[in-house]
Amino acid sequence: ALRNAGPWGQHFPEPLFHGVFQLVEQRVVGERHLKMVLKTECGSVKLDGIAFGVDRDIWPNPNIRWVELAYKLDLNEFRGNETVQLMVVHIAPR
């Protein structure tokens, strides 16, 4: 259903979501991309997330445990498995 939600365009932009998440894991991939494992505020769901072009002076930071995100939803396909992934547009410590 997520793949067929579009099409997105100039007069019908892709939805942007907002939320607060617990930062369970964080690591840099490539030069400036932050790969994360996140938990919802209620702690019952784990999600993968990725933020591109992060400030390496801030991220990764093991002292940051909660983040506020603006994100889009995407499907990540790996070895035949599809999972929801958050494509992070903005990340801020909480």
N, C-alpha and C. Protein backbone atom coordinates (compact mmCIF):
# COMPACT_ATOMS: atom_id res chain seq x y z
N ALA A 1 0.82 -1.19 0.00
CA ALA A 1 0.00 0.00 0.00
C ALA A 1 0.86 1.25 0.00
N LEU A 2 2.00 1.23 0.69
CA LEU A 2 2.87 2.39 0.76
C LEU A 2 3.42 2.75 -0.62
N ARG A 3 3.81 1.75 -1.40
CA ARG A 3 4.34 2.01 -2.74
C ARG A 3 3.30 2.63 -3.66
N ASN A 4 2.05 2.32 -3.46
CA ASN A 4 0.99 2.80 -4.35
C ASN A 4 0.29 4.05 -3.83
N ALA A 5 0.84 4.69 -2.82
CA ALA A 5 0.19 5.84 -2.22
C ALA A 5 0.27 7.09 -3.09
N GLY A 6 1.24 7.18 -3.97
CA GLY A 6 1.45 8.36 -4.82
C GLY A 6 0.45 8.42 -5.95
N PRO A 7 0.73 9.10 -7.02
CA PRO A 7 2.02 9.73 -7.31
C PRO A 7 2.13 11.09 -6.61
N TRP A 8 3.36 11.43 -6.27
CA TRP A 8 3.63 12.70 -5.62
C TRP A 8 4.15 13.66 -6.68
N GLY A 9 3.88 14.93 -6.50
CA GLY A 9 4.35 15.93 -7.46
C GLY A 9 4.22 17.32 -6.89
N GLN A 10 4.35 18.30 -7.77
CA GLN A 10 4.38 19.70 -7.35
C GLN A 10 3.11 20.11 -6.60
N HIS A 11 1.95 19.68 -7.06
CA HIS A 11 0.71 20.07 -6.42
C HIS A 11 0.16 19.00 -5.48
N PHE A 12 0.92 17.95 -5.31
CA PHE A 12 0.53 16.86 -4.41
C PHE A 12 1.81 16.32 -3.76
N PRO A 13 2.37 17.10 -2.80
CA PRO A 13 3.66 16.71 -2.22
C PRO A 13 3.57 15.45 -1.37
N GLU A 14 4.70 14.75 -1.31
CA GLU A 14 4.80 13.56 -0.46
C GLU A 14 4.59 13.97 0.99
N PRO A 15 3.82 13.21 1.77
CA PRO A 15 3.55 13.58 3.16
C PRO A 15 4.83 13.63 4.00
N LEU A 16 4.87 14.60 4.90
CA LEU A 16 5.97 14.76 5.84
C LEU A 16 5.38 14.58 7.23
N PHE A 17 6.01 13.72 8.02
CA PHE A 17 5.52 13.39 9.36
C PHE A 17 6.46 13.94 10.42
N HIS A 18 5.95 14.04 11.64
CA HIS A 18 6.72 14.55 12.77
C HIS A 18 6.53 13.61 13.95
N GLY A 19 7.61 13.39 14.71
CA GLY A 19 7.49 12.55 15.89
C GLY A 19 8.71 12.60 16.77
N VAL A 20 8.54 12.10 17.98
CA VAL A 20 9.63 11.99 18.95
C VAL A 20 9.91 10.51 19.13
N PHE A 21 11.19 10.14 19.08
CA PHE A 21 11.60 8.75 19.14
C PHE A 21 12.77 8.56 20.09
N GLN A 22 12.84 7.39 20.69
CA GLN A 22 14.01 7.00 21.47
C GLN A 22 15.06 6.50 20.48
N LEU A 23 16.28 6.98 20.63
CA LEU A 23 17.38 6.60 19.76
C LEU A 23 18.07 5.38 20.36
N VAL A 24 17.82 4.20 19.78
CA VAL A 24 18.32 2.94 20.32
C VAL A 24 19.74 2.68 19.83
N GLU A 25 19.98 2.89 18.54
CA GLU A 25 21.30 2.70 17.93
C GLU A 25 21.53 3.83 16.94
N GLN A 26 22.80 4.18 16.76
CA GLN A 26 23.17 5.18 15.76
C GLN A 26 24.58 4.92 15.29
N ARG A 27 24.76 5.04 13.97
CA ARG A 27 26.10 4.88 13.40
C ARG A 27 26.16 5.63 12.08
N VAL A 28 27.35 6.07 11.74
CA VAL A 28 27.55 6.77 10.48
C VAL A 28 27.79 5.75 9.38
N VAL A 29 27.13 5.94 8.25
CA VAL A 29 27.39 5.16 7.05
C VAL A 29 27.78 6.14 5.96
N GLY A 30 28.70 5.71 5.10
CA GLY A 30 29.23 6.67 4.14
C GLY A 30 29.99 7.73 4.89
N GLU A 31 29.98 8.95 4.39
CA GLU A 31 30.72 10.02 5.06
C GLU A 31 29.86 10.82 6.03
N ARG A 32 28.58 11.04 5.68
CA ARG A 32 27.76 11.93 6.50
C ARG A 32 26.31 11.46 6.64
N HIS A 33 26.09 10.16 6.62
CA HIS A 33 24.73 9.65 6.76
C HIS A 33 24.61 8.92 8.10
N LEU A 34 23.53 9.17 8.79
CA LEU A 34 23.32 8.58 10.11
C LEU A 34 22.24 7.50 10.00
N LYS A 35 22.63 6.27 10.25
CA LYS A 35 21.71 5.13 10.27
C LYS A 35 21.28 4.93 11.72
N MET A 36 19.97 4.78 11.93
CA MET A 36 19.44 4.72 13.29
C MET A 36 18.46 3.57 13.46
N VAL A 37 18.37 3.08 14.67
CA VAL A 37 17.26 2.24 15.10
C VAL A 37 16.52 3.07 16.13
N LEU A 38 15.22 3.22 15.92
CA LEU A 38 14.40 4.10 16.74
C LEU A 38 13.27 3.33 17.38
N LYS A 39 12.83 3.80 18.53
CA LYS A 39 11.64 3.25 19.19
C LYS A 39 10.61 4.35 19.29
N THR A 40 9.35 3.98 19.12
CA THR A 40 8.29 4.95 19.31
C THR A 40 8.24 5.37 20.78
N GLU A 41 7.56 6.48 21.05
CA GLU A 41 7.49 6.98 22.43
C GLU A 41 6.93 5.95 23.40
N CYS A 42 5.98 5.15 22.93
CA CYS A 42 5.41 4.12 23.81
C CYS A 42 6.34 2.91 23.94
N GLY A 43 7.37 2.84 23.10
CA GLY A 43 8.38 1.80 23.21
C GLY A 43 8.01 0.46 22.64
N SER A 44 6.88 0.38 21.95
CA SER A 44 6.44 -0.93 21.48
C SER A 44 6.88 -1.27 20.05
N VAL A 45 7.33 -0.28 19.29
CA VAL A 45 7.70 -0.51 17.90
C VAL A 45 9.10 0.01 17.63
N LYS A 46 9.93 -0.81 16.96
CA LYS A 46 11.25 -0.39 16.52
C LYS A 46 11.21 -0.13 15.02
N LEU A 47 11.86 0.95 14.60
CA LEU A 47 11.91 1.33 13.19
C LEU A 47 13.33 1.71 12.82
N ASP A 48 13.69 1.46 11.56
CA ASP A 48 14.96 1.92 11.03
C ASP A 48 14.76 3.32 10.48
N GLY A 49 15.81 4.12 10.56
CA GLY A 49 15.77 5.46 9.99
C GLY A 49 17.12 5.82 9.43
N ILE A 50 17.13 6.74 8.47
CA ILE A 50 18.38 7.24 7.93
C ILE A 50 18.25 8.73 7.68
N ALA A 51 19.29 9.47 8.05
CA ALA A 51 19.37 10.91 7.82
C ALA A 51 20.60 11.16 6.97
N PHE A 52 20.44 11.89 5.88
CA PHE A 52 21.54 12.16 4.97
C PHE A 52 22.15 13.52 5.27
N GLY A 53 23.47 13.62 5.14
CA GLY A 53 24.17 14.88 5.28
C GLY A 53 24.15 15.46 6.68
N VAL A 54 24.29 14.61 7.70
CA VAL A 54 24.26 15.10 9.08
C VAL A 54 25.56 15.82 9.44
N ASP A 55 25.49 16.66 10.45
CA ASP A 55 26.65 17.37 10.98
C ASP A 55 27.48 16.39 11.80
N ARG A 56 28.67 16.10 11.34
CA ARG A 56 29.53 15.13 12.04
C ARG A 56 30.05 15.67 13.37
N ASP A 57 29.91 16.96 13.63
CA ASP A 57 30.28 17.51 14.94
C ASP A 57 29.23 17.15 16.00
N ILE A 58 28.03 16.79 15.55
CA ILE A 58 26.95 16.44 16.47
C ILE A 58 26.68 14.94 16.48
N TRP A 59 26.70 14.31 15.31
CA TRP A 59 26.30 12.91 15.16
C TRP A 59 27.45 12.02 14.73
N PRO A 60 27.56 10.82 15.21
CA PRO A 60 26.75 10.20 16.26
C PRO A 60 27.13 10.74 17.63
N ASN A 61 26.20 10.65 18.56
CA ASN A 61 26.42 11.13 19.92
C ASN A 61 25.72 10.18 20.89
N PRO A 62 26.49 9.37 21.61
CA PRO A 62 25.88 8.39 22.52
C PRO A 62 25.13 9.02 23.69
N ASN A 63 25.33 10.31 23.94
CA ASN A 63 24.63 10.98 25.04
C ASN A 63 23.21 11.40 24.66
N ILE A 64 22.91 11.40 23.38
CA ILE A 64 21.57 11.77 22.92
C ILE A 64 20.73 10.51 22.86
N ARG A 65 19.67 10.48 23.66
CA ARG A 65 18.81 9.29 23.75
C ARG A 65 17.44 9.49 23.12
N TRP A 66 17.02 10.73 22.97
CA TRP A 66 15.72 11.04 22.36
C TRP A 66 15.92 12.07 21.26
N VAL A 67 15.18 11.90 20.16
CA VAL A 67 15.27 12.83 19.04
C VAL A 67 13.88 13.21 18.56
N GLU A 68 13.81 14.40 18.01
CA GLU A 68 12.59 14.87 17.35
C GLU A 68 12.88 14.86 15.86
N LEU A 69 12.00 14.23 15.09
CA LEU A 69 12.25 14.03 13.66
C LEU A 69 11.13 14.59 12.81
N ALA A 70 11.52 15.10 11.64
CA ALA A 70 10.61 15.30 10.52
C ALA A 70 11.05 14.26 9.50
N TYR A 71 10.10 13.47 8.99
CA TYR A 71 10.49 12.33 8.15
C TYR A 71 9.41 11.98 7.13
N LYS A 72 9.87 11.25 6.12
CA LYS A 72 8.99 10.66 5.12
C LYS A 72 9.09 9.15 5.26
N LEU A 73 8.07 8.45 4.85
CA LEU A 73 8.07 6.99 4.93
C LEU A 73 8.58 6.40 3.62
N ASP A 74 9.34 5.33 3.74
CA ASP A 74 9.85 4.63 2.57
C ASP A 74 9.90 3.15 2.89
N LEU A 75 10.00 2.34 1.85
CA LEU A 75 10.19 0.90 2.02
C LEU A 75 11.64 0.58 1.76
N ASN A 76 12.24 -0.19 2.66
CA ASN A 76 13.61 -0.65 2.49
C ASN A 76 13.54 -2.14 2.15
N GLU A 77 14.12 -2.50 1.02
CA GLU A 77 14.12 -3.90 0.61
C GLU A 77 15.53 -4.44 0.76
N PHE A 78 15.67 -5.51 1.56
CA PHE A 78 16.98 -6.11 1.82
C PHE A 78 16.80 -7.62 1.88
N ARG A 79 17.50 -8.30 1.00
CA ARG A 79 17.45 -9.77 0.93
C ARG A 79 16.01 -10.30 0.83
N GLY A 80 15.22 -9.63 0.04
CA GLY A 80 13.85 -10.08 -0.19
C GLY A 80 12.85 -9.67 0.87
N ASN A 81 13.30 -9.02 1.93
CA ASN A 81 12.39 -8.56 2.99
C ASN A 81 12.15 -7.06 2.84
N GLU A 82 10.92 -6.65 3.00
CA GLU A 82 10.57 -5.24 2.97
C GLU A 82 10.20 -4.76 4.37
N THR A 83 10.82 -3.65 4.77
CA THR A 83 10.49 -3.04 6.06
C THR A 83 10.29 -1.54 5.85
N VAL A 84 9.51 -0.94 6.73
CA VAL A 84 9.32 0.51 6.68
C VAL A 84 10.57 1.18 7.22
N GLN A 85 11.00 2.23 6.54
CA GLN A 85 12.17 3.00 6.96
C GLN A 85 11.79 4.47 6.97
N LEU A 86 12.26 5.19 7.99
CA LEU A 86 12.03 6.62 8.06
C LEU A 86 13.16 7.33 7.32
N MET A 87 12.79 8.14 6.34
CA MET A 87 13.75 8.97 5.62
C MET A 87 13.73 10.33 6.31
N VAL A 88 14.74 10.58 7.12
CA VAL A 88 14.74 11.74 8.01
C VAL A 88 15.14 13.00 7.24
N VAL A 89 14.28 14.00 7.31
CA VAL A 89 14.51 15.29 6.67
C VAL A 89 15.17 16.25 7.66
N HIS A 90 14.78 16.13 8.93
CA HIS A 90 15.35 16.98 9.99
C HIS A 90 15.43 16.17 11.28
N ILE A 91 16.56 16.31 11.97
CA ILE A 91 16.75 15.62 13.25
C ILE A 91 17.26 16.62 14.27
N ALA A 92 16.70 16.56 15.48
CA ALA A 92 17.14 17.43 16.56
C ALA A 92 17.12 16.65 17.87
N PRO A 93 18.15 16.86 18.71
CA PRO A 93 18.14 16.22 20.03
C PRO A 93 16.93 16.71 20.82
N ARG A 94 16.42 15.86 21.67
CA ARG A 94 15.25 16.23 22.47
C ARG A 94 15.63 16.28 23.93
